[in-house]
PDB file of all heavy atoms in Angstrom:
ATOM      1  N   TRP A   1      44.169  -7.809 -27.255  1.00  0.00           N
ATOM      2  CA  TRP A   1      44.239  -9.156 -27.819  1.00  0.00           C
ATOM      3  C   TRP A   1      43.915 -10.216 -26.765  1.00  0.00           C
ATOM      4  O   TRP A   1      43.116 -11.117 -27.010  1.00  0.00           O
ATOM      5  CB  TRP A   1      45.634  -9.375 -28.419  1.00  0.00           C
ATOM      6  CG  TRP A   1      45.889 -10.743 -28.977  1.00  0.00           C
ATOM      7  CD1 TRP A   1      46.801 -11.657 -28.529  1.00  0.00           C
ATOM      8  CD2 TRP A   1      45.237 -11.364 -30.095  1.00  0.00           C
ATOM      9  NE1 TRP A   1      46.764 -12.801 -29.276  1.00  0.00           N
ATOM     10  CE2 TRP A   1      45.802 -12.643 -30.256  1.00  0.00           C
ATOM     11  CE3 TRP A   1      44.227 -10.950 -30.961  1.00  0.00           C
ATOM     12  CZ2 TRP A   1      45.398 -13.515 -31.256  1.00  0.00           C
ATOM     13  CZ3 TRP A   1      43.821 -11.827 -31.955  1.00  0.00           C
ATOM     14  CH2 TRP A   1      44.394 -13.094 -32.095  1.00  0.00           C
ATOM     15  N   ARG A   2      44.506 -10.095 -25.578  1.00  0.00           N
ATOM     16  CA  ARG A   2      44.209 -11.053 -24.506  1.00  0.00           C
ATOM     17  C   ARG A   2      42.747 -10.961 -24.085  1.00  0.00           C
ATOM     18  O   ARG A   2      42.138 -11.957 -23.686  1.00  0.00           O
ATOM     19  CB  ARG A   2      45.116 -10.815 -23.299  1.00  0.00           C
ATOM     20  CG  ARG A   2      46.565 -11.205 -23.513  1.00  0.00           C
ATOM     21  CD  ARG A   2      47.308 -11.268 -22.181  1.00  0.00           C
ATOM     22  NE  ARG A   2      47.257 -10.001 -21.458  1.00  0.00           N
ATOM     23  CZ  ARG A   2      48.149  -9.027 -21.596  1.00  0.00           C
ATOM     24  NH1 ARG A   2      49.167  -9.170 -22.424  1.00  0.00           N
ATOM     25  NH2 ARG A   2      48.030  -7.912 -20.893  1.00  0.00           N
ATOM     26  N   GLY A   3      42.193  -9.739 -24.166  1.00  0.00           N
ATOM     27  CA  GLY A   3      40.793  -9.559 -23.783  1.00  0.00           C
ATOM     28  C   GLY A   3      39.817 -10.270 -24.690  1.00  0.00           C
ATOM     29  O   GLY A   3      38.638 -10.420 -24.349  1.00  0.00           O
ATOM     30  N   ARG A   4      40.290 -10.727 -25.850  1.00  0.00           N
ATOM     31  CA  ARG A   4      39.431 -11.490 -26.753  1.00  0.00           C
ATOM     32  C   ARG A   4      39.294 -12.948 -26.314  1.00  0.00           C
ATOM     33  O   ARG A   4      38.418 -13.666 -26.808  1.00  0.00           O
ATOM     34  CB  ARG A   4      39.986 -11.452 -28.175  1.00  0.00           C
ATOM     35  CG  ARG A   4      40.028 -10.077 -28.771  1.00  0.00           C
ATOM     36  CD  ARG A   4      40.630 -10.055 -30.162  1.00  0.00           C
ATOM     37  NE  ARG A   4      39.723 -10.570 -31.198  1.00  0.00           N
ATOM     38  CZ  ARG A   4      38.698  -9.897 -31.692  1.00  0.00           C
ATOM     39  NH1 ARG A   4      38.419  -8.701 -31.232  1.00  0.00           N
ATOM     40  NH2 ARG A   4      37.954 -10.416 -32.658  1.00  0.00           N
ATOM     41  N   SER A   5      40.156 -13.389 -25.429  1.00  0.00           N
ATOM     42  CA  SER A   5      40.156 -14.804 -25.044  1.00  0.00           C
ATOM     43  C   SER A   5      39.209 -15.058 -23.879  1.00  0.00           C
ATOM     44  O   SER A   5      38.794 -14.129 -23.172  1.00  0.00           O
ATOM     45  CB  SER A   5      41.569 -15.255 -24.673  1.00  0.00           C
ATOM     46  OG  SER A   5      42.034 -14.547 -23.538  1.00  0.00           O
ATOM     47  N   ILE A   6      38.875 -16.315 -23.680  1.00  0.00           N
ATOM     48  CA  ILE A   6      38.021 -16.709 -22.555  1.00  0.00           C
ATOM     49  C   ILE A   6      38.747 -16.379 -21.249  1.00  0.00           C
ATOM     50  O   ILE A   6      39.914 -16.737 -21.087  1.00  0.00           O
ATOM     51  CB  ILE A   6      37.717 -18.220 -22.601  1.00  0.00           C
ATOM     52  CG1 ILE A   6      37.039 -18.589 -23.923  1.00  0.00           C
ATOM     53  CG2 ILE A   6      36.855 -18.641 -21.416  1.00  0.00           C
ATOM     54  CD1 ILE A   6      36.911 -20.082 -24.145  1.00  0.00           C
ATOM     55  N   PRO A   7      38.097 -15.693 -20.313  1.00  0.00           N
ATOM     56  CA  PRO A   7      38.781 -15.360 -19.053  1.00  0.00           C
ATOM     57  C   PRO A   7      39.067 -16.602 -18.217  1.00  0.00           C
ATOM     58  O   PRO A   7      38.317 -17.585 -18.256  1.00  0.00           O
ATOM     59  CB  PRO A   7      37.792 -14.430 -18.345  1.00  0.00           C
ATOM     60  CG  PRO A   7      36.460 -14.759 -18.941  1.00  0.00           C
ATOM     61  CD  PRO A   7      36.723 -15.161 -20.363  1.00  0.00           C
ATOM     62  N   ALA A   8      40.148 -16.540 -17.462  1.00  0.00           N
ATOM     63  CA  ALA A   8      40.535 -17.669 -16.613  1.00  0.00           C
ATOM     64  C   ALA A   8      39.518 -17.914 -15.506  1.00  0.00           C
ATOM     65  O   ALA A   8      39.523 -18.991 -14.881  1.00  0.00           O
ATOM     66  CB  ALA A   8      41.910 -17.419 -16.014  1.00  0.00           C
ATOM     67  N   SER A   9      38.642 -16.930 -15.241  1.00  0.00           N
ATOM     68  CA  SER A   9      37.631 -17.075 -14.195  1.00  0.00           C
ATOM     69  C   SER A   9      36.388 -17.820 -14.661  1.00  0.00           C
ATOM     70  O   SER A   9      35.485 -18.078 -13.848  1.00  0.00           O
ATOM     71  CB  SER A   9      37.219 -15.691 -13.686  1.00  0.00           C
ATOM     72  OG  SER A   9      36.706 -14.901 -14.748  1.00  0.00           O
ATOM     73  N   ARG A  10      36.293 -18.169 -15.953  1.00  0.00           N
ATOM     74  CA  ARG A  10      35.103 -18.844 -16.474  1.00  0.00           C
ATOM     75  C   ARG A  10      34.848 -20.162 -15.732  1.00  0.00           C
ATOM     76  O   ARG A  10      35.769 -20.950 -15.487  1.00  0.00           O
ATOM     77  CB  ARG A  10      35.279 -19.126 -17.970  1.00  0.00           C
ATOM     78  CG  ARG A  10      34.192 -19.963 -18.640  1.00  0.00           C
ATOM     79  CD  ARG A  10      32.919 -19.199 -18.862  1.00  0.00           C
ATOM     80  NE  ARG A  10      33.151 -18.037 -19.697  1.00  0.00           N
ATOM     81  CZ  ARG A  10      33.217 -18.077 -21.037  1.00  0.00           C
ATOM     82  NH1 ARG A  10      33.068 -19.219 -21.683  1.00  0.00           N
ATOM     83  NH2 ARG A  10      33.412 -16.960 -21.712  1.00  0.00           N
ATOM     84  N   GLN A  11      33.590 -20.409 -15.382  1.00  0.00           N
ATOM     85  CA  GLN A  11      33.214 -21.658 -14.725  1.00  0.00           C
ATOM     86  C   GLN A  11      33.672 -22.860 -15.552  1.00  0.00           C
ATOM     87  O   GLN A  11      33.377 -22.948 -16.744  1.00  0.00           O
ATOM     88  CB  GLN A  11      31.696 -21.734 -14.550  1.00  0.00           C
ATOM     89  CG  GLN A  11      31.117 -20.762 -13.547  1.00  0.00           C
ATOM     90  CD  GLN A  11      29.605 -20.894 -13.466  1.00  0.00           C
ATOM     91  OE1 GLN A  11      28.999 -21.757 -14.079  1.00  0.00           O
ATOM     92  NE2 GLN A  11      28.983 -20.020 -12.704  1.00  0.00           N
ATOM     93  N   GLY A  12      34.404 -23.774 -14.917  1.00  0.00           N
ATOM     94  CA  GLY A  12      34.801 -25.023 -15.559  1.00  0.00           C
ATOM     95  C   GLY A  12      35.884 -24.896 -16.607  1.00  0.00           C
ATOM     96  O   GLY A  12      36.148 -25.853 -17.337  1.00  0.00           O
ATOM     97  N   ILE A  13      36.562 -23.729 -16.689  1.00  0.00           N
ATOM     98  CA  ILE A  13      37.511 -23.537 -17.779  1.00  0.00           C
ATOM     99  C   ILE A  13      38.737 -24.434 -17.649  1.00  0.00           C
ATOM    100  O   ILE A  13      39.280 -24.909 -18.650  1.00  0.00           O
ATOM    101  CB  ILE A  13      37.941 -22.047 -17.886  1.00  0.00           C
ATOM    102  CG1 ILE A  13      38.744 -21.796 -19.166  1.00  0.00           C
ATOM    103  CG2 ILE A  13      38.707 -21.620 -16.651  1.00  0.00           C
ATOM    104  CD1 ILE A  13      38.018 -22.106 -20.438  1.00  0.00           C
ATOM    105  N   ARG A  14      39.189 -24.701 -16.425  1.00  0.00           N
ATOM    106  CA  ARG A  14      40.359 -25.558 -16.262  1.00  0.00           C
ATOM    107  C   ARG A  14      40.094 -26.950 -16.786  1.00  0.00           C
ATOM    108  O   ARG A  14      40.905 -27.518 -17.528  1.00  0.00           O
ATOM    109  CB  ARG A  14      40.767 -25.583 -14.778  1.00  0.00           C
ATOM    110  CG  ARG A  14      41.975 -26.467 -14.463  1.00  0.00           C
ATOM    111  CD  ARG A  14      43.140 -26.248 -15.385  1.00  0.00           C
ATOM    112  NE  ARG A  14      43.536 -24.842 -15.480  1.00  0.00           N
ATOM    113  CZ  ARG A  14      44.364 -24.363 -16.372  1.00  0.00           C
ATOM    114  NH1 ARG A  14      44.853 -25.143 -17.325  1.00  0.00           N
ATOM    115  NH2 ARG A  14      44.679 -23.083 -16.390  1.00  0.00           N
ATOM    116  N   GLN A  15      38.936 -27.513 -16.434  1.00  0.00           N
ATOM    117  CA  GLN A  15      38.593 -28.847 -16.932  1.00  0.00           C
ATOM    118  C   GLN A  15      38.430 -28.830 -18.449  1.00  0.00           C
ATOM    119  O   GLN A  15      38.834 -29.778 -19.134  1.00  0.00           O
ATOM    120  CB  GLN A  15      37.296 -29.345 -16.263  1.00  0.00           C
ATOM    121  CG  GLN A  15      37.399 -29.559 -14.766  1.00  0.00           C
ATOM    122  CD  GLN A  15      37.086 -28.302 -13.975  1.00  0.00           C
ATOM    123  OE1 GLN A  15      37.190 -27.178 -14.484  1.00  0.00           O
ATOM    124  NE2 GLN A  15      36.714 -28.487 -12.711  1.00  0.00           N
ATOM    125  N   ALA A  16      37.862 -27.734 -18.977  1.00  0.00           N
ATOM    126  CA  ALA A  16      37.678 -27.641 -20.427  1.00  0.00           C
ATOM    127  C   ALA A  16      39.015 -27.599 -21.147  1.00  0.00           C
ATOM    128  O   ALA A  16      39.198 -28.265 -22.181  1.00  0.00           O
ATOM    129  CB  ALA A  16      36.854 -26.391 -20.763  1.00  0.00           C
ATOM    130  N   LEU A  17      39.964 -26.844 -20.629  1.00  0.00           N
ATOM    131  CA  LEU A  17      41.278 -26.769 -21.256  1.00  0.00           C
ATOM    132  C   LEU A  17      41.983 -28.121 -21.220  1.00  0.00           C
ATOM    133  O   LEU A  17      42.675 -28.502 -22.175  1.00  0.00           O
ATOM    134  CB  LEU A  17      42.138 -25.707 -20.560  1.00  0.00           C
ATOM    135  CG  LEU A  17      41.718 -24.247 -20.785  1.00  0.00           C
ATOM    136  CD1 LEU A  17      42.589 -23.311 -19.955  1.00  0.00           C
ATOM    137  CD2 LEU A  17      41.776 -23.873 -22.256  1.00  0.00           C
ATOM    138  N   GLU A  18      41.814 -28.850 -20.128  1.00  0.00           N
ATOM    139  CA  GLU A  18      42.407 -30.192 -20.049  1.00  0.00           C
ATOM    140  C   GLU A  18      41.802 -31.109 -21.108  1.00  0.00           C
ATOM    141  O   GLU A  18      42.510 -31.880 -21.767  1.00  0.00           O
ATOM    142  CB  GLU A  18      42.195 -30.771 -18.651  1.00  0.00           C
ATOM    143  CG  GLU A  18      43.017 -30.077 -17.574  1.00  0.00           C
ATOM    144  CD  GLU A  18      42.699 -30.586 -16.184  1.00  0.00           C
ATOM    145  OE1 GLU A  18      41.812 -31.470 -16.058  1.00  0.00           O
ATOM    146  OE2 GLU A  18      43.310 -30.094 -15.213  1.00  0.00           O
ATOM    147  N   THR A  19      40.485 -31.016 -21.282  1.00  0.00           N
ATOM    148  CA  THR A  19      39.819 -31.828 -22.301  1.00  0.00           C
ATOM    149  C   THR A  19      40.300 -31.461 -23.698  1.00  0.00           C
ATOM    150  O   THR A  19      40.504 -32.327 -24.551  1.00  0.00           O
ATOM    151  CB  THR A  19      38.289 -31.654 -22.205  1.00  0.00           C
ATOM    152  OG1 THR A  19      37.842 -32.054 -20.910  1.00  0.00           O
ATOM    153  CG2 THR A  19      37.573 -32.481 -23.256  1.00  0.00           C
ATOM    154  N   LEU A  20      40.491 -30.154 -23.923  1.00  0.00           N
ATOM    155  CA  LEU A  20      40.925 -29.670 -25.233  1.00  0.00           C
ATOM    156  C   LEU A  20      42.430 -29.836 -25.451  1.00  0.00           C
ATOM    157  O   LEU A  20      42.927 -29.609 -26.555  1.00  0.00           O
ATOM    158  CB  LEU A  20      40.568 -28.189 -25.384  1.00  0.00           C
ATOM    159  CG  LEU A  20      39.078 -27.853 -25.470  1.00  0.00           C
ATOM    160  CD1 LEU A  20      38.862 -26.354 -25.301  1.00  0.00           C
ATOM    161  CD2 LEU A  20      38.495 -28.327 -26.791  1.00  0.00           C
ATOM    162  N   ARG A  21      43.123 -30.212 -24.371  1.00  0.00           N
ATOM    163  CA  ARG A  21      44.586 -30.352 -24.412  1.00  0.00           C
ATOM    164  C   ARG A  21      45.253 -29.033 -24.818  1.00  0.00           C
ATOM    165  O   ARG A  21      46.169 -28.976 -25.635  1.00  0.00           O
ATOM    166  CB  ARG A  21      45.002 -31.482 -25.359  1.00  0.00           C
ATOM    167  CG  ARG A  21      44.400 -32.834 -24.978  1.00  0.00           C
ATOM    168  CD  ARG A  21      44.761 -33.921 -25.978  1.00  0.00           C
ATOM    169  NE  ARG A  21      44.113 -35.185 -25.629  1.00  0.00           N
ATOM    170  CZ  ARG A  21      42.907 -35.537 -26.051  1.00  0.00           C
ATOM    171  NH1 ARG A  21      42.228 -34.723 -26.829  1.00  0.00           N
ATOM    172  NH2 ARG A  21      42.384 -36.698 -25.706  1.00  0.00           N
ATOM    173  N   ILE A  22      44.744 -27.969 -24.215  1.00  0.00           N
ATOM    174  CA  ILE A  22      45.251 -26.615 -24.434  1.00  0.00           C
ATOM    175  C   ILE A  22      45.743 -26.064 -23.101  1.00  0.00           C
ATOM    176  O   ILE A  22      45.096 -26.248 -22.062  1.00  0.00           O
ATOM    177  CB  ILE A  22      44.142 -25.702 -25.000  1.00  0.00           C
ATOM    178  CG1 ILE A  22      43.682 -26.192 -26.365  1.00  0.00           C
ATOM    179  CG2 ILE A  22      44.597 -24.255 -25.075  1.00  0.00           C
ATOM    180  CD1 ILE A  22      44.658 -25.961 -27.484  1.00  0.00           C
ATOM    181  N   GLY A  23      46.883 -25.376 -23.114  1.00  0.00           N
ATOM    182  CA  GLY A  23      47.431 -24.875 -21.860  1.00  0.00           C
ATOM    183  C   GLY A  23      46.800 -23.585 -21.380  1.00  0.00           C
ATOM    184  O   GLY A  23      46.587 -23.404 -20.186  1.00  0.00           O
ATOM    185  N   TYR A  24      46.531 -22.661 -22.314  1.00  0.00           N
ATOM    186  CA  TYR A  24      46.015 -21.341 -21.952  1.00  0.00           C
ATOM    187  C   TYR A  24      44.851 -20.983 -22.874  1.00  0.00           C
ATOM    188  O   TYR A  24      44.827 -21.366 -24.043  1.00  0.00           O
ATOM    189  CB  TYR A  24      47.100 -20.272 -22.094  1.00  0.00           C
ATOM    190  CG  TYR A  24      48.380 -20.582 -21.365  1.00  0.00           C
ATOM    191  CD1 TYR A  24      49.461 -21.157 -22.041  1.00  0.00           C
ATOM    192  CD2 TYR A  24      48.520 -20.306 -20.012  1.00  0.00           C
ATOM    193  CE1 TYR A  24      50.648 -21.447 -21.376  1.00  0.00           C
ATOM    194  CE2 TYR A  24      49.696 -20.590 -19.342  1.00  0.00           C
ATOM    195  CZ  TYR A  24      50.757 -21.162 -20.021  1.00  0.00           C
ATOM    196  OH  TYR A  24      51.909 -21.449 -19.353  1.00  0.00           O
ATOM    197  N   THR A  25      43.913 -20.213 -22.334  1.00  0.00           N
ATOM    198  CA  THR A  25      42.770 -19.813 -23.162  1.00  0.00           C
ATOM    199  C   THR A  25      43.227 -18.975 -24.354  1.00  0.00           C
ATOM    200  O   THR A  25      42.598 -19.004 -25.404  1.00  0.00           O
ATOM    201  CB  THR A  25      41.742 -19.023 -22.334  1.00  0.00           C
ATOM    202  OG1 THR A  25      42.365 -17.862 -21.760  1.00  0.00           O
ATOM    203  CG2 THR A  25      41.164 -19.874 -21.212  1.00  0.00           C
ATOM    204  N   GLN A  26      44.339 -18.227 -24.199  1.00  0.00           N
ATOM    205  CA  GLN A  26      44.823 -17.401 -25.302  1.00  0.00           C
ATOM    206  C   GLN A  26      45.210 -18.243 -26.512  1.00  0.00           C
ATOM    207  O   GLN A  26      45.155 -17.772 -27.652  1.00  0.00           O
ATOM    208  CB  GLN A  26      46.034 -16.563 -24.863  1.00  0.00           C
ATOM    209  CG  GLN A  26      45.698 -15.441 -23.891  1.00  0.00           C
ATOM    210  CD  GLN A  26      45.718 -15.906 -22.442  1.00  0.00           C
ATOM    211  OE1 GLN A  26      45.739 -17.111 -22.171  1.00  0.00           O
ATOM    212  NE2 GLN A  26      45.728 -14.964 -21.520  1.00  0.00           N
TER     213      GLN A  26
END
């Protein structure tokens, strides 16, 4: 199930999560 989510290593994912107001890719 976790493997279906965007990996934390994805380029720019931290900034994207902040924009989306989401804490975790899961």
